[in-house]
Amino acid sequence: MLVIRNMKNILAAIITLSFGLLQAQNPQEGWAFKFKEDPFTTDTVLGLRHLNEDVAGENGFVRR
């Protein structure tokens, strides 16, 4: 029982200390992610573009 209590305390300390190491990204730096432009063409093998709504939420909210 004492070992489990010590493990819980150690785990709680690790989690608490790890939050101190987290830092938010500076908004002025922007995102490091660079993506290539999607070369959309009409001759794709599998086109699912017709399934997209014209306006987001047109058919209601996403539900389970």
C-alpha atoms as a PDB file:
ATOM      1  CA  MET A   1       0.000   0.000   0.000  1.00  0.00           C
ATOM      2  CA  LEU A   2       2.867   2.345   0.814  1.00  0.00           C
ATOM      3  CA  VAL A   3       4.524   1.617  -2.526  1.00  0.00           C
ATOM      4  CA  ILE A   4       1.338   2.513  -4.432  1.00  0.00           C
ATOM      5  CA  ARG A   5       0.963   5.756  -2.476  1.00  0.00           C
ATOM      6  CA  ASN A   6       4.584   6.685  -3.246  1.00  0.00           C
ATOM      7  CA  MET A   7       4.090   5.871  -6.934  1.00  0.00           C
ATOM      8  CA  LYS A   8       1.015   8.123  -7.041  1.00  0.00           C
ATOM      9  CA  ASN A   9       2.967  10.945  -5.413  1.00  0.00           C
ATOM     10  CA  ILE A  10       5.862  10.527  -7.841  1.00  0.00           C
ATOM     11  CA  LEU A  11       3.504  10.473 -10.810  1.00  0.00           C
ATOM     12  CA  ALA A  12       1.694  13.577  -9.562  1.00  0.00           C
ATOM     13  CA  ALA A  13       5.027  15.373  -9.135  1.00  0.00           C
ATOM     14  CA  ILE A  14       6.167  14.438 -12.651  1.00  0.00           C
ATOM     15  CA  ILE A  15       2.919  15.661 -14.186  1.00  0.00           C
ATOM     16  CA  THR A  16       3.005  18.892 -12.197  1.00  0.00           C
ATOM     17  CA  LEU A  17       6.615  19.616 -13.133  1.00  0.00           C
ATOM     18  CA  SER A  18       6.027  18.823 -16.798  1.00  0.00           C
ATOM     19  CA  PHE A  19       3.391  21.566 -17.007  1.00  0.00           C
ATOM     20  CA  GLY A  20       6.073  24.054 -15.994  1.00  0.00           C
ATOM     21  CA  LEU A  21       8.139  23.036 -19.026  1.00  0.00           C
ATOM     22  CA  LEU A  22       5.365  23.648 -21.553  1.00  0.00           C
ATOM     23  CA  GLN A  23       5.509  26.887 -23.478  1.00  0.00           C
ATOM     24  CA  ALA A  24       3.062  28.442 -25.879  1.00  0.00           C
ATOM     25  CA  GLN A  25       4.185  29.222 -29.397  1.00  0.00           C
ATOM     26  CA  ASN A  26       4.924  32.832 -30.183  1.00  0.00           C
ATOM     27  CA  PRO A  27       2.194  33.971 -32.620  1.00  0.00           C
ATOM     28  CA  GLN A  28       4.686  36.221 -34.417  1.00  0.00           C
ATOM     29  CA  GLU A  29       6.746  33.195 -35.441  1.00  0.00           C
ATOM     30  CA  GLY A  30       3.826  31.536 -37.232  1.00  0.00           C
ATOM     31  CA  TRP A  31       3.548  27.830 -37.882  1.00  0.00           C
ATOM     32  CA  ALA A  32       6.511  25.669 -38.776  1.00  0.00           C
ATOM     33  CA  PHE A  33       4.211  23.516 -40.916  1.00  0.00           C
ATOM     34  CA  LYS A  34       4.614  24.213 -44.634  1.00  0.00           C
ATOM     35  CA  PHE A  35       2.269  22.433 -46.989  1.00  0.00           C
ATOM     36  CA  LYS A  36       2.379  22.011 -50.716  1.00  0.00           C
ATOM     37  CA  GLU A  37      -0.534  23.410 -52.674  1.00  0.00           C
ATOM     38  CA  ASP A  38      -3.042  20.735 -53.604  1.00  0.00           C
ATOM     39  CA  PRO A  39      -2.948  20.312 -57.378  1.00  0.00           C
ATOM     40  CA  PHE A  40      -6.687  19.636 -57.725  1.00  0.00           C
ATOM     41  CA  THR A  41      -7.586  18.418 -61.177  1.00  0.00           C
ATOM     42  CA  THR A  42     -10.781  17.041 -62.633  1.00  0.00           C
ATOM     43  CA  ASP A  43      -9.111  13.817 -63.817  1.00  0.00           C
ATOM     44  CA  THR A  44      -8.404  12.381 -60.366  1.00  0.00           C
ATOM     45  CA  VAL A  45      -8.882   8.651 -59.848  1.00  0.00           C
ATOM     46  CA  LEU A  46     -11.124   9.073 -56.802  1.00  0.00           C
ATOM     47  CA  GLY A  47     -12.857  12.407 -56.424  1.00  0.00           C
ATOM     48  CA  LEU A  48     -14.928  12.988 -53.303  1.00  0.00           C
ATOM     49  CA  ARG A  49     -15.253  16.715 -53.744  1.00  0.00           C
ATOM     50  CA  HIS A  50     -18.946  16.394 -54.624  1.00  0.00           C
ATOM     51  CA  LEU A  51     -19.607  15.185 -51.056  1.00  0.00           C
ATOM     52  CA  ASN A  52     -18.548  18.525 -49.552  1.00  0.00           C
ATOM     53  CA  GLU A  53     -21.263  20.954 -48.534  1.00  0.00           C
ATOM     54  CA  ASP A  54     -21.367  24.312 -50.296  1.00  0.00           C
ATOM     55  CA  VAL A  55     -21.632  26.045 -46.927  1.00  0.00           C
ATOM     56  CA  ALA A  56     -20.241  24.541 -43.717  1.00  0.00           C
ATOM     57  CA  GLY A  57     -23.049  23.287 -41.492  1.00  0.00           C
ATOM     58  CA  GLU A  58     -25.546  23.363 -44.342  1.00  0.00           C
ATOM     59  CA  ASN A  59     -27.010  20.032 -43.223  1.00  0.00           C
ATOM     60  CA  GLY A  60     -26.727  20.688 -39.483  1.00  0.00           C
ATOM     61  CA  PHE A  61     -24.128  19.887 -36.869  1.00  0.00           C
ATOM     62  CA  VAL A  62     -21.892  16.834 -36.982  1.00  0.00           C
ATOM     63  CA  ARG A  63     -23.440  14.145 -34.817  1.00  0.00           C
ATOM     64  CA  ARG A  64     -22.528  10.654 -33.712  1.00  0.00           C
END
